[in-house]
């Protein structure tokens, strides 16, 4: 086996690294790149370079992808809540679950 032959598992891992890198690049369009990298580095099993390039995935790559999605969905919910809270506080008769 020569050094250029990748196993199916290695090829799959590379595909996961690429899709997560692509996801982070998309998120860079709406968030500061430093924020994206910092949040992504908080995902267990994910190693991300300062450039946003995924360097390594440890463990179950599907779980790592889900972790990335969960981190950023959680962030967007927080952004929406923080944005809307001041407005909704001016109208206490409006009740919105999760935004108080």
C-alpha atoms as a PDB file:
ATOM      1  CA  UNK A   1       0.000   0.000   0.000  1.00  0.00           C
ATOM      2  CA  UNK A   2       1.570   3.308  -0.980  1.00  0.00           C
ATOM      3  CA  UNK A   3       1.369   6.489   1.092  1.00  0.00           C
ATOM      4  CA  UNK A   4      -1.242   8.038  -1.219  1.00  0.00           C
ATOM      5  CA  UNK A   5      -3.898   5.371  -0.680  1.00  0.00           C
ATOM      6  CA  UNK A   6      -6.578   6.456   1.730  1.00  0.00           C
ATOM      7  CA  UNK A   7      -8.840   3.979   3.438  1.00  0.00           C
ATOM      8  CA  UNK A   8     -12.607   4.417   3.139  1.00  0.00           C
ATOM      9  CA  UNK A   9     -12.674   5.685   6.735  1.00  0.00           C
ATOM     10  CA  UNK A  10      -9.982   8.270   5.939  1.00  0.00           C
ATOM     11  CA  UNK A  11     -11.888   9.383   2.836  1.00  0.00           C
ATOM     12  CA  UNK A  12     -15.090   9.725   4.863  1.00  0.00           C
ATOM     13  CA  UNK A  13     -13.251  11.711   7.549  1.00  0.00           C
ATOM     14  CA  UNK A  14     -11.870  14.040   4.858  1.00  0.00           C
ATOM     15  CA  UNK A  15     -15.401  14.551   3.510  1.00  0.00           C
ATOM     16  CA  UNK A  16     -16.621  15.473   6.989  1.00  0.00           C
ATOM     17  CA  UNK A  17     -13.692  17.865   7.470  1.00  0.00           C
ATOM     18  CA  UNK A  18     -14.516  19.525   4.154  1.00  0.00           C
ATOM     19  CA  UNK A  19     -18.244  19.882   4.818  1.00  0.00           C
ATOM     20  CA  UNK A  20     -17.617  21.373   8.258  1.00  0.00           C
ATOM     21  CA  UNK A  21     -15.038  23.750   6.765  1.00  0.00           C
ATOM     22  CA  UNK A  22     -17.647  24.765   4.162  1.00  0.00           C
ATOM     23  CA  UNK A  23     -20.230  25.293   6.915  1.00  0.00           C
ATOM     24  CA  UNK A  24     -17.826  27.543   8.823  1.00  0.00           C
ATOM     25  CA  UNK A  25     -17.091  29.543   5.665  1.00  0.00           C
ATOM     26  CA  UNK A  26     -20.812  30.101   5.151  1.00  0.00           C
ATOM     27  CA  UNK A  27     -21.178  31.246   8.747  1.00  0.00           C
ATOM     28  CA  UNK A  28     -18.282  33.677   8.209  1.00  0.00           C
ATOM     29  CA  UNK A  29     -20.567  35.576   5.846  1.00  0.00           C
ATOM     30  CA  UNK A  30     -22.904  36.524   8.695  1.00  0.00           C
ATOM     31  CA  UNK A  31     -20.621  36.362  11.737  1.00  0.00           C
ATOM     32  CA  UNK A  32     -17.111  37.600  12.425  1.00  0.00           C
ATOM     33  CA  UNK A  33     -14.590  34.936  11.435  1.00  0.00           C
ATOM     34  CA  UNK A  34     -12.927  35.049  14.863  1.00  0.00           C
ATOM     35  CA  UNK A  35     -16.295  34.366  16.489  1.00  0.00           C
ATOM     36  CA  UNK A  36     -16.936  31.444  14.151  1.00  0.00           C
ATOM     37  CA  UNK A  37     -13.550  29.888  14.929  1.00  0.00           C
ATOM     38  CA  UNK A  38     -13.962  30.406  18.677  1.00  0.00           C
ATOM     39  CA  UNK A  39     -17.395  28.780  18.696  1.00  0.00           C
ATOM     40  CA  UNK A  40     -16.290  25.911  16.453  1.00  0.00           C
ATOM     41  CA  UNK A  41     -13.347  25.208  18.753  1.00  0.00           C
ATOM     42  CA  UNK A  42     -15.866  24.621  21.528  1.00  0.00           C
ATOM     43  CA  UNK A  43     -17.261  21.588  19.713  1.00  0.00           C
ATOM     44  CA  UNK A  44     -15.873  18.372  21.246  1.00  0.00           C
ATOM     45  CA  UNK A  45     -13.785  16.374  18.779  1.00  0.00           C
ATOM     46  CA  UNK A  46     -13.174  19.279  16.397  1.00  0.00           C
ATOM     47  CA  UNK A  47      -9.826  20.969  15.768  1.00  0.00           C
ATOM     48  CA  UNK A  48     -10.024  24.209  13.766  1.00  0.00           C
ATOM     49  CA  UNK A  49      -7.177  26.407  12.491  1.00  0.00           C
ATOM     50  CA  UNK A  50      -7.253  30.191  12.891  1.00  0.00           C
ATOM     51  CA  UNK A  51      -8.270  30.328   9.212  1.00  0.00           C
ATOM     52  CA  UNK A  52     -11.439  28.327   9.894  1.00  0.00           C
ATOM     53  CA  UNK A  53     -10.074  25.243   8.142  1.00  0.00           C
ATOM     54  CA  UNK A  54     -10.955  22.023   9.950  1.00  0.00           C
ATOM     55  CA  UNK A  55      -7.693  20.282  10.800  1.00  0.00           C
ATOM     56  CA  UNK A  56      -9.006  17.174  12.527  1.00  0.00           C
ATOM     57  CA  UNK A  57     -12.083  15.341  13.706  1.00  0.00           C
ATOM     58  CA  UNK A  58     -11.832  12.906  16.601  1.00  0.00           C
ATOM     59  CA  UNK A  59     -14.572  10.461  17.449  1.00  0.00           C
ATOM     60  CA  UNK A  60     -17.860  10.137  15.591  1.00  0.00           C
ATOM     61  CA  UNK A  61     -17.805  12.656  12.719  1.00  0.00           C
ATOM     62  CA  UNK A  62     -21.617  12.708  12.548  1.00  0.00           C
ATOM     63  CA  UNK A  63     -21.726  13.745  16.204  1.00  0.00           C
ATOM     64  CA  UNK A  64     -19.173  16.480  15.478  1.00  0.00           C
ATOM     65  CA  UNK A  65     -21.313  17.828  12.610  1.00  0.00           C
ATOM     66  CA  UNK A  66     -24.328  17.813  14.939  1.00  0.00           C
ATOM     67  CA  UNK A  67     -22.251  19.613  17.564  1.00  0.00           C
ATOM     68  CA  UNK A  68     -21.371  22.360  15.084  1.00  0.00           C
ATOM     69  CA  UNK A  69     -25.007  22.771  14.081  1.00  0.00           C
ATOM     70  CA  UNK A  70     -26.153  22.816  17.710  1.00  0.00           C
ATOM     71  CA  UNK A  71     -23.558  25.429  18.711  1.00  0.00           C
ATOM     72  CA  UNK A  72     -24.549  27.838  15.967  1.00  0.00           C
ATOM     73  CA  UNK A  73     -28.297  27.279  16.262  1.00  0.00           C
ATOM     74  CA  UNK A  74     -27.942  28.000  19.968  1.00  0.00           C
ATOM     75  CA  UNK A  75     -26.015  31.165  19.158  1.00  0.00           C
ATOM     76  CA  UNK A  76     -28.583  32.417  16.676  1.00  0.00           C
ATOM     77  CA  UNK A  77     -31.362  31.858  19.195  1.00  0.00           C
ATOM     78  CA  UNK A  78     -29.414  33.886  21.755  1.00  0.00           C
ATOM     79  CA  UNK A  79     -28.835  36.664  19.220  1.00  0.00           C
ATOM     80  CA  UNK A  80     -32.538  36.826  18.417  1.00  0.00           C
ATOM     81  CA  UNK A  81     -33.483  36.862  22.099  1.00  0.00           C
ATOM     82  CA  UNK A  82     -30.944  39.596  22.941  1.00  0.00           C
ATOM     83  CA  UNK A  83     -32.129  41.661  19.978  1.00  0.00           C
ATOM     84  CA  UNK A  84     -35.824  41.381  20.792  1.00  0.00           C
ATOM     85  CA  UNK A  85     -35.731  41.614  24.597  1.00  0.00           C
ATOM     86  CA  UNK A  86     -35.492  45.426  24.825  1.00  0.00           C
ATOM     87  CA  UNK A  87     -38.401  45.886  22.440  1.00  0.00           C
ATOM     88  CA  UNK A  88     -40.602  43.326  24.124  1.00  0.00           C
ATOM     89  CA  UNK A  89     -39.877  44.755  27.573  1.00  0.00           C
ATOM     90  CA  UNK A  90     -41.499  47.965  26.372  1.00  0.00           C
ATOM     91  CA  UNK A  91     -44.668  45.968  25.753  1.00  0.00           C
ATOM     92  CA  UNK A  92     -45.147  43.790  28.861  1.00  0.00           C
ATOM     93  CA  UNK A  93     -48.578  42.660  27.666  1.00  0.00           C
ATOM     94  CA  UNK A  94     -46.885  40.756  24.829  1.00  0.00           C
ATOM     95  CA  UNK A  95     -45.793  37.352  26.080  1.00  0.00           C
ATOM     96  CA  UNK A  96     -43.283  35.419  24.001  1.00  0.00           C
ATOM     97  CA  UNK A  97     -42.007  32.145  25.489  1.00  0.00           C
ATOM     98  CA  UNK A  98     -38.230  32.122  25.767  1.00  0.00           C
ATOM     99  CA  UNK A  99     -37.932  35.897  25.421  1.00  0.00           C
ATOM    100  CA  UNK A 100     -38.330  37.726  28.707  1.00  0.00           C
END
